[in-house]
Structure formats: C-alpha cells, structure tokens
Amino acid sequence: MAYGIKALRSIQFGIETTAGTELNATAVWRGTGTLKDNTVLVMPEEDVGAYVKKTRMYIPQEGGTLTLDEVPATFEHLPLLMACGIEGMTTGTVNSTGSWVYQFDVPPTGSPNTIKTLTCEMGDNQRVDLGLYGFVKSLSLSGAKGEAVMMGAEIETRAVNDTEFTASLTVPTVEEILFLKGQLWIDATTIATTTATNTWLGFSLDLPSGWNAIFTGDGSTSFSAIKYVGNKDDPITGELVLEHDATAETEITAARAGTTRLIRMLFQGAALPLAGTYTYKTVKIDAVVKYTDVPELSDEDGDDTVSLPFEVISNNTLAAQIIVVNTVNTLGV
C-alpha cells in the first residue's frame, strides 16, 4: 500500500494563455503550501418522518484556495505572484544583456490593469489536485534583521479536481532577498531623496490585489470571471519598524500631523551579467502612504523602537509600484 509522504509534496504553476483553460505546469514553486477544496456541500432541512437526515445533498458553488506559506522571497518567484495579482507583465523589458525589468503598478486612476491567471497543481505521491483560473487574492511581504524578506500569498481558483503532476520539471535556481541588504528612503515631496540610515529594523506590506471572483448563472458552479474592484475598501497596508532616533521622531511628527510620506524600499542581490539601468538583481518598492496611528515606544533587547503602521494612498501620480530586476526573461519557467 502506498502512503502520501510530506517530503514528496510539490506545488507547480503554469501561466494560462486563456484564463481558465488548463495547460501543463512550467514552474516548480520553491516553497510550501496547501490547496483547499472550497466546494459548498448542503444537506437541506426536511421533514420526512426520520430521526436522521436522508441522503439528499446538493452542491451550489465550487472553488479552491491555494495558500502559499510564508517563505523566503526570491528575485525569481516574487514577480510571478505580482503578475497574477497586480499587473500581468510576464515578459521583462531589457535592462542589459542577460537581465530584465518587471514593473508592477498599483493603478491610482484610470482603467484597471489586466492580470495573468494560473493553472495550479498541488499534492504529493498519493494525490494531486488541480485548480484553474488561479489569481492572487492577496500577497504579503515582510522583513526583519538577520532574515530573508518573506513572502506569502493566497490564490483563488475554480473548482478543484484530480490531476497528475506535469512531469520532468526542473526545480529552478533562485536567490533570496535579504533584509539587511535593503535600504530605506522616506520623503515628503520627492521620492528617494532622504536616506534613512542606521534606523531601519523591519517592515511588513500586505497587498490585497483588489480582484474578486464573480459567480454568475453561466452554466457552471465555479466562478465565471474575475473583476477588479480596487483597494478602497480593502486597502494596502504595512508597517515600518525604526530605531527611536531622529528619523523616527520626524516620522512620529508626520503621523501626528497626518502628513503624506513617500517611501522607497530597495533590496539588491547578485551582480547582473552586464550593468544597465540596474547593476544588481533588484526589488524596488515605492509607495505613497499616510500613517494610521501615532506609535508608542517599544523595545527590542533593551533598545527603544517605534512601529509606524501605514496605508497606501494615491497622490494622483502614484500609489505604489514594485520593480523586480532578475535574469529571467519570461516568468513561469
């Protein structure tokens, strides 16, 4: 008898050409997670002269949720999540020979972005589940000293079905994004003017994508389409953790006054094959924010710190933008 073994679990993705149409997976996810079948099972109440319910049951709605656990973020896999929740850029623009730039904009005005969707395979040596039309419902990033930047995501799919893994995929080579190699800028009017040195201890960023599944009477119990509703009711939020120093005092003053702040977080990795606009693998996060609370002092091993929660807003030209530079010219491989 064969038994399912945790060590043999795998998650594989393929970026769909047509949303909801299955294709073979092309990428192995270097992380952990689980695919939950969200089929709704209903046993209706009825009076039929019996002490227990009879066999009647119906299924009014089907779907799935692939939860990607928080794992070290990489320059290679982060843009795959961004393309399926923020903006559907899957082929980078050339930075230099052997390196490409992926730019993802949170739209402050105008028409919404389009996104890509995923065929998702998840399971072990006993059973493999399949979810189609997968889109990133939410994405999280966080970082702290002595750690890699961490990423996690929730992917919503159509009905979950049995499948087999796409065979013979190569586990990709990836590079972790390290928090201590990051830099922070905080400004009032022009982004990336004032470097916050010797102060940045950590951050978090929660990015609900603003995309929802739409269930309509369309001949199927799975969702028929997805729709962008924006982030007004489900905002992008985060937190900066700083040493209690002059920089922190400036930001506490800004929090008390409700002043708009322009934030840049920059992380660099290995040198690219040839320098262009960017010399190193890069993740650059720009955001317009307002602090949502005036922080009290905290401590970390006897060191006074402050944690500044914020919400991403729009100043009519920018809300948020994430740029990833790596050596992969097409995502999903």
Protein backbone atom coordinates (compact mmCIF):
# COMPACT_ATOMS: atom_id res chain seq x y z
CA MET A 1 0.00 0.00 0.00
CA ALA A 2 1.32 3.46 -0.96
CA TYR A 3 1.13 6.29 1.56
CA GLY A 4 1.28 10.01 0.95
CA ILE A 5 4.59 11.45 2.17
CA LYS A 6 5.05 15.09 3.13
CA ALA A 7 8.57 15.14 1.74
CA LEU A 8 7.10 14.38 -1.71
CA ARG A 9 4.71 17.33 -1.77
CA SER A 10 5.04 19.77 -4.64
CA ILE A 11 3.39 22.93 -5.99
CA GLN A 12 3.62 23.62 -9.73
CA PHE A 13 2.31 26.51 -11.81
CA GLY A 14 1.64 27.32 -15.42
CA ILE A 15 0.66 30.79 -16.64
CA GLU A 16 -2.53 30.27 -18.65
CA THR A 17 -2.77 31.51 -22.23
CA THR A 18 -6.57 31.68 -21.90
CA ALA A 19 -7.89 32.26 -18.39
CA GLY A 20 -9.40 29.06 -17.03
CA THR A 21 -8.06 26.80 -19.79
CA GLU A 22 -5.74 24.13 -18.43
CA LEU A 23 -2.17 23.86 -19.62
CA ASN A 24 0.86 21.98 -18.40
CA ALA A 25 2.73 23.49 -15.49
CA THR A 26 6.07 25.07 -16.34
CA ALA A 27 7.37 26.18 -12.92
CA VAL A 28 8.02 24.47 -9.59
CA TRP A 29 7.25 26.71 -6.61
CA ARG A 30 10.17 26.76 -4.17
CA GLY A 31 8.09 26.91 -1.02
CA THR A 32 5.29 25.22 0.87
CA GLY A 33 1.51 25.49 0.88
CA THR A 34 -1.80 23.66 0.58
CA LEU A 35 -4.70 23.66 -1.87
CA LYS A 36 -8.08 23.71 -0.09
CA ASP A 37 -11.21 22.50 -1.88
CA ASN A 38 -13.94 25.07 -1.10
CA THR A 39 -16.83 23.03 -2.52
CA VAL A 40 -20.04 24.00 -0.70
CA LEU A 41 -21.97 20.90 0.42
CA VAL A 42 -25.56 21.48 1.52
CA MET A 43 -27.87 18.97 3.21
CA PRO A 44 -31.24 20.75 3.32
CA GLU A 45 -33.58 20.51 6.27
CA GLU A 46 -36.71 18.46 5.57
CA ASP A 47 -39.46 16.66 7.48
CA VAL A 48 -39.72 13.15 6.03
CA GLY A 49 -40.53 11.07 9.11
CA ALA A 50 -36.98 10.04 10.02
CA TYR A 51 -34.72 10.54 13.07
CA VAL A 52 -31.66 11.36 10.90
CA LYS A 53 -31.18 13.05 7.58
CA LYS A 54 -31.56 11.13 4.35
CA THR A 55 -29.04 11.12 1.51
CA ARG A 56 -30.19 14.33 -0.14
CA MET A 57 -27.34 16.80 -0.80
CA TYR A 58 -26.53 19.40 -3.41
CA ILE A 59 -23.51 21.48 -4.42
CA PRO A 60 -24.41 25.12 -5.21
CA GLN A 61 -20.87 26.50 -5.54
CA GLU A 62 -17.32 25.25 -6.10
CA GLY A 63 -13.85 26.73 -5.85
CA GLY A 64 -10.45 26.40 -4.24
CA THR A 65 -7.84 28.35 -2.29
CA LEU A 66 -4.13 27.70 -2.67
CA THR A 67 -2.39 29.15 0.38
CA LEU A 68 1.31 29.72 -0.17
CA ASP A 69 3.01 29.73 3.22
CA GLU A 70 5.43 32.50 4.08
CA VAL A 71 8.80 31.52 2.64
CA PRO A 72 11.98 33.45 1.82
CA ALA A 73 11.19 35.79 -1.07
CA THR A 74 13.30 35.43 -4.20
CA PHE A 75 14.05 37.69 -7.14
CA GLU A 76 12.81 34.93 -9.47
CA HIS A 77 9.46 34.00 -7.88
CA LEU A 78 8.15 37.27 -6.46
CA PRO A 79 7.29 38.71 -9.91
CA LEU A 80 5.25 35.58 -10.74
CA LEU A 81 2.88 36.44 -7.88
CA MET A 82 2.81 40.10 -8.88
CA ALA A 83 1.86 39.23 -12.47
CA CYS A 84 -1.15 37.24 -11.27
CA GLY A 85 -2.46 39.82 -8.81
CA ILE A 86 -1.17 43.32 -9.61
CA GLU A 87 -0.27 43.61 -13.30
CA GLY A 88 0.07 40.93 -15.95
CA MET A 89 3.64 41.55 -17.04
CA THR A 90 5.27 38.20 -17.79
CA THR A 91 8.00 39.23 -20.24
CA GLY A 92 10.50 41.71 -18.87
CA THR A 93 11.90 44.76 -20.60
CA VAL A 94 15.62 44.59 -21.30
CA ASN A 95 17.90 46.07 -18.65
CA SER A 96 21.10 44.78 -20.24
CA THR A 97 22.28 41.59 -21.90
CA GLY A 98 21.04 38.77 -19.68
CA SER A 99 18.82 40.82 -17.33
CA TRP A 100 15.23 42.03 -17.42
CA VAL A 101 13.00 44.50 -15.60
CA TYR A 102 9.45 43.75 -14.41
CA GLN A 103 7.37 46.76 -13.35
CA PHE A 104 4.08 46.39 -11.48
CA ASP A 105 1.91 49.45 -10.84
CA VAL A 106 -0.99 49.75 -8.43
CA PRO A 107 -3.28 51.97 -10.54
CA PRO A 108 -4.27 55.18 -8.74
CA THR A 109 -6.60 56.35 -11.55
CA GLY A 110 -7.94 55.25 -14.90
CA SER A 111 -8.57 51.75 -16.16
CA PRO A 112 -7.51 48.76 -14.07
CA ASN A 113 -4.55 46.60 -15.05
CA THR A 114 -5.07 43.18 -16.55
CA ILE A 115 -3.53 40.21 -14.76
CA LYS A 116 -2.44 36.71 -15.69
CA THR A 117 -4.03 33.53 -14.33
CA LEU A 118 -2.52 30.23 -13.24
CA THR A 119 -3.04 26.53 -13.64
CA CYS A 120 -2.13 25.23 -10.16
CA GLU A 121 -1.01 21.68 -9.35
CA MET A 122 -0.54 20.71 -5.70
CA GLY A 123 -0.23 17.37 -3.97
CA ASP A 124 2.07 14.52 -3.03
CA ASN A 125 2.82 10.98 -4.22
CA GLN A 126 -0.74 9.89 -3.31
CA ARG A 127 -2.96 12.54 -4.91
CA VAL A 128 -2.55 15.71 -6.97
CA ASP A 129 -5.17 18.47 -7.03
CA LEU A 130 -5.75 20.87 -9.90
CA GLY A 131 -7.10 24.41 -9.73
CA LEU A 132 -7.66 26.52 -12.84
CA TYR A 133 -8.10 30.27 -13.35
CA GLY A 134 -5.89 30.93 -10.31
CA PHE A 135 -5.43 34.58 -9.39
CA VAL A 136 -3.61 36.13 -6.45
CA LYS A 137 -6.20 37.35 -3.98
CA SER A 138 -3.61 38.75 -1.58
CA LEU A 139 0.16 38.95 -1.22
CA SER A 140 2.31 39.69 1.81
CA LEU A 141 5.92 40.78 2.24
CA SER A 142 7.86 41.29 5.46
CA GLY A 143 11.41 41.68 6.62
CA ALA A 144 13.48 41.82 9.80
CA LYS A 145 17.15 41.91 10.72
CA GLY A 146 19.03 38.66 10.31
CA GLU A 147 16.39 37.19 8.00
CA ALA A 148 15.40 36.95 4.38
CA VAL A 149 12.48 39.04 3.23
CA MET A 150 9.46 36.75 3.48
CA MET A 151 6.59 36.37 1.01
CA GLY A 152 3.24 34.59 1.16
CA ALA A 153 0.08 34.62 -0.92
CA GLU A 154 -3.47 33.40 -1.23
CA ILE A 155 -4.51 32.22 -4.69
CA GLU A 156 -8.19 31.66 -5.52
CA THR A 157 -9.04 29.05 -8.16
CA ARG A 158 -12.02 27.46 -9.82
CA ALA A 159 -13.27 24.01 -8.72
CA VAL A 160 -10.57 21.62 -7.50
CA ASN A 161 -10.19 18.37 -9.47
CA ASP A 162 -7.87 15.39 -9.54
CA THR A 163 -4.91 15.52 -11.90
CA GLU A 164 -1.33 14.32 -12.29
CA PHE A 165 1.77 16.43 -11.93
CA THR A 166 3.28 17.76 -15.11
CA ALA A 167 6.35 15.54 -15.29
CA SER A 168 10.06 16.28 -15.51
CA LEU A 169 10.06 19.93 -14.45
CA THR A 170 13.38 21.31 -13.25
CA VAL A 171 13.49 22.93 -9.82
CA PRO A 172 14.66 26.48 -10.64
CA THR A 173 17.68 28.24 -9.24
CA VAL A 174 16.64 31.20 -7.09
CA GLU A 175 18.28 33.90 -4.99
CA GLU A 176 16.83 35.05 -1.67
CA ILE A 177 16.13 38.71 -0.99
CA LEU A 178 17.94 39.65 2.23
CA PHE A 179 16.56 42.33 4.54
CA LEU A 180 19.93 43.60 5.74
CA LYS A 181 20.91 44.34 2.12
CA GLY A 182 17.92 46.67 1.91
CA GLN A 183 17.84 50.46 2.06
CA LEU A 184 15.03 52.83 3.04
CA TRP A 185 14.13 56.37 1.96
CA ILE A 186 11.34 58.47 3.49
CA ASP A 187 10.42 61.85 2.00
CA ALA A 188 7.70 64.49 1.91
CA THR A 189 7.70 65.66 -1.72
CA THR A 190 10.30 63.90 -3.92
CA ILE A 191 10.73 60.16 -3.55
CA ALA A 192 14.16 58.65 -2.79
CA THR A 193 15.73 61.93 -1.66
CA THR A 194 16.38 61.28 2.04
CA THR A 195 18.09 58.03 3.02
CA ALA A 196 17.07 56.65 6.41
CA THR A 197 20.42 55.37 7.68
CA ASN A 198 21.18 53.30 10.80
CA THR A 199 17.49 53.10 11.71
CA TRP A 200 15.51 50.55 9.67
CA LEU A 201 14.73 47.41 11.69
CA GLY A 202 11.86 45.79 9.78
CA PHE A 203 8.74 46.16 7.69
CA SER A 204 5.57 44.48 6.57
CA LEU A 205 3.43 45.03 3.48
CA ASP A 206 0.03 43.44 2.89
CA LEU A 207 -1.22 43.74 -0.68
CA PRO A 208 -4.82 42.66 -1.30
CA SER A 209 -4.93 42.56 -5.08
CA GLY A 210 -8.34 44.18 -5.47
CA TRP A 211 -9.51 41.29 -7.69
CA ASN A 212 -12.64 39.28 -6.82
CA ALA A 213 -14.17 36.12 -8.26
CA ILE A 214 -17.58 36.73 -9.84
CA PHE A 215 -20.13 33.92 -9.57
CA THR A 216 -22.91 34.27 -12.16
CA GLY A 217 -25.55 31.99 -13.63
CA ASP A 218 -23.40 30.92 -16.53
CA GLY A 219 -23.74 27.14 -16.73
CA SER A 220 -21.17 26.30 -14.04
CA THR A 221 -20.96 26.24 -10.24
CA SER A 222 -17.45 27.75 -10.40
CA PHE A 223 -16.84 31.46 -10.83
CA SER A 224 -17.30 32.68 -14.38
CA ALA A 225 -14.92 35.64 -14.33
CA ILE A 226 -12.82 37.89 -12.12
CA LYS A 227 -13.32 41.60 -11.59
CA TYR A 228 -11.10 44.39 -10.32
CA VAL A 229 -12.83 46.34 -7.53
CA GLY A 230 -9.79 48.24 -6.25
CA ASN A 231 -8.39 48.75 -2.78
CA LYS A 232 -10.61 51.47 -1.34
CA ASP A 233 -12.46 49.07 0.97
CA ASP A 234 -9.57 46.63 1.37
CA PRO A 235 -6.50 48.87 1.42
CA ILE A 236 -2.85 48.05 1.00
CA THR A 237 -1.31 48.42 4.45
CA GLY A 238 2.05 48.00 6.08
CA GLU A 239 4.36 48.94 8.89
CA LEU A 240 7.84 50.39 9.28
CA VAL A 241 9.92 49.50 12.33
CA LEU A 242 12.60 52.06 13.19
CA GLU A 243 15.15 52.79 15.86
CA HIS A 244 13.89 55.54 18.17
CA ASP A 245 16.20 58.19 16.74
CA ALA A 246 15.92 61.47 14.86
CA THR A 247 14.40 59.74 11.84
CA ALA A 248 11.76 58.10 13.99
CA GLU A 249 10.97 61.43 15.67
CA THR A 250 10.43 63.02 12.25
CA GLU A 251 8.03 60.22 11.32
CA ILE A 252 6.16 60.42 14.64
CA THR A 253 5.65 64.14 13.94
CA ALA A 254 4.37 63.25 10.46
CA ALA A 255 2.00 60.70 11.95
CA ARG A 256 0.61 63.25 14.41
CA ALA A 257 0.07 65.76 11.59
CA GLY A 258 -1.37 63.26 9.09
CA THR A 259 1.34 64.21 6.60
CA THR A 260 1.73 62.25 3.37
CA ARG A 261 5.02 60.34 3.15
CA LEU A 262 6.84 58.90 0.13
CA ILE A 263 8.59 55.63 0.87
CA ARG A 264 11.16 53.67 -1.13
CA MET A 265 12.46 50.27 -0.04
CA LEU A 266 15.31 48.92 -2.16
CA PHE A 267 16.84 45.44 -1.99
CA GLN A 268 19.78 44.30 -4.10
CA GLY A 269 21.23 40.89 -4.78
CA ALA A 270 23.90 39.41 -7.01
CA ALA A 271 25.54 41.41 -9.78
CA LEU A 272 23.80 41.12 -13.14
CA PRO A 273 25.72 39.69 -16.12
CA LEU A 274 26.07 43.20 -17.53
CA ALA A 275 25.17 46.52 -15.92
CA GLY A 276 22.38 48.58 -17.40
CA THR A 277 19.99 50.90 -15.61
CA TYR A 278 20.36 48.35 -12.81
CA THR A 279 23.68 46.74 -11.83
CA TYR A 280 22.32 44.14 -9.40
CA LYS A 281 19.26 41.96 -9.06
CA THR A 282 16.80 44.38 -7.51
CA VAL A 283 13.46 44.74 -5.80
CA LYS A 284 12.33 48.38 -5.54
CA ILE A 285 9.12 49.22 -3.70
CA ASP A 286 7.77 52.77 -3.96
CA ALA A 287 4.63 53.85 -2.11
CA VAL A 288 2.67 56.94 -1.13
CA VAL A 289 1.43 56.46 2.42
CA LYS A 290 -0.19 58.04 5.43
CA TYR A 291 0.47 56.69 8.89
CA THR A 292 -2.66 55.35 10.56
CA ASP A 293 -1.56 55.56 14.19
CA VAL A 294 0.85 57.52 16.36
CA PRO A 295 3.14 54.86 17.83
CA GLU A 296 4.23 54.42 21.40
CA LEU A 297 7.74 53.30 22.25
CA SER A 298 8.52 49.59 22.09
CA ASP A 299 11.73 47.82 22.96
CA GLU A 300 13.87 45.17 21.34
CA ASP A 301 16.52 43.71 23.63
CA GLY A 302 16.56 46.93 25.64
CA ASP A 303 16.65 49.09 22.52
CA ASP A 304 13.83 51.65 22.08
CA THR A 305 12.00 51.25 18.76
CA VAL A 306 8.85 52.56 17.08
CA SER A 307 6.46 50.79 14.72
CA LEU A 308 4.64 53.04 12.26
CA PRO A 309 1.55 51.46 10.63
CA PHE A 310 0.55 52.96 7.29
CA GLU A 311 -1.98 52.76 4.47
CA VAL A 312 -1.07 53.18 0.81
CA ILE A 313 -2.89 56.12 -0.80
CA SER A 314 -2.67 57.96 -4.13
CA ASN A 315 -1.22 61.40 -4.81
CA ASN A 316 -2.76 61.31 -8.34
CA THR A 317 0.52 60.28 -9.97
CA LEU A 318 1.50 57.28 -7.84
CA ALA A 319 0.01 54.88 -5.33
CA ALA A 320 2.52 52.05 -5.28
CA GLN A 321 4.97 50.48 -7.70
CA ILE A 322 7.11 47.38 -7.36
CA ILE A 323 10.01 46.78 -9.74
CA VAL A 324 11.85 43.47 -9.85
CA VAL A 325 15.05 43.01 -11.86
CA ASN A 326 16.36 39.49 -12.43
CA THR A 327 17.90 37.24 -15.08
CA VAL A 328 14.63 35.54 -16.15
CA ASN A 329 13.28 36.91 -19.42
CA THR A 330 9.89 35.15 -19.19
CA LEU A 331 8.08 34.37 -15.96
CA GLY A 332 6.75 30.92 -15.19
CA VAL A 333 9.75 28.91 -16.37
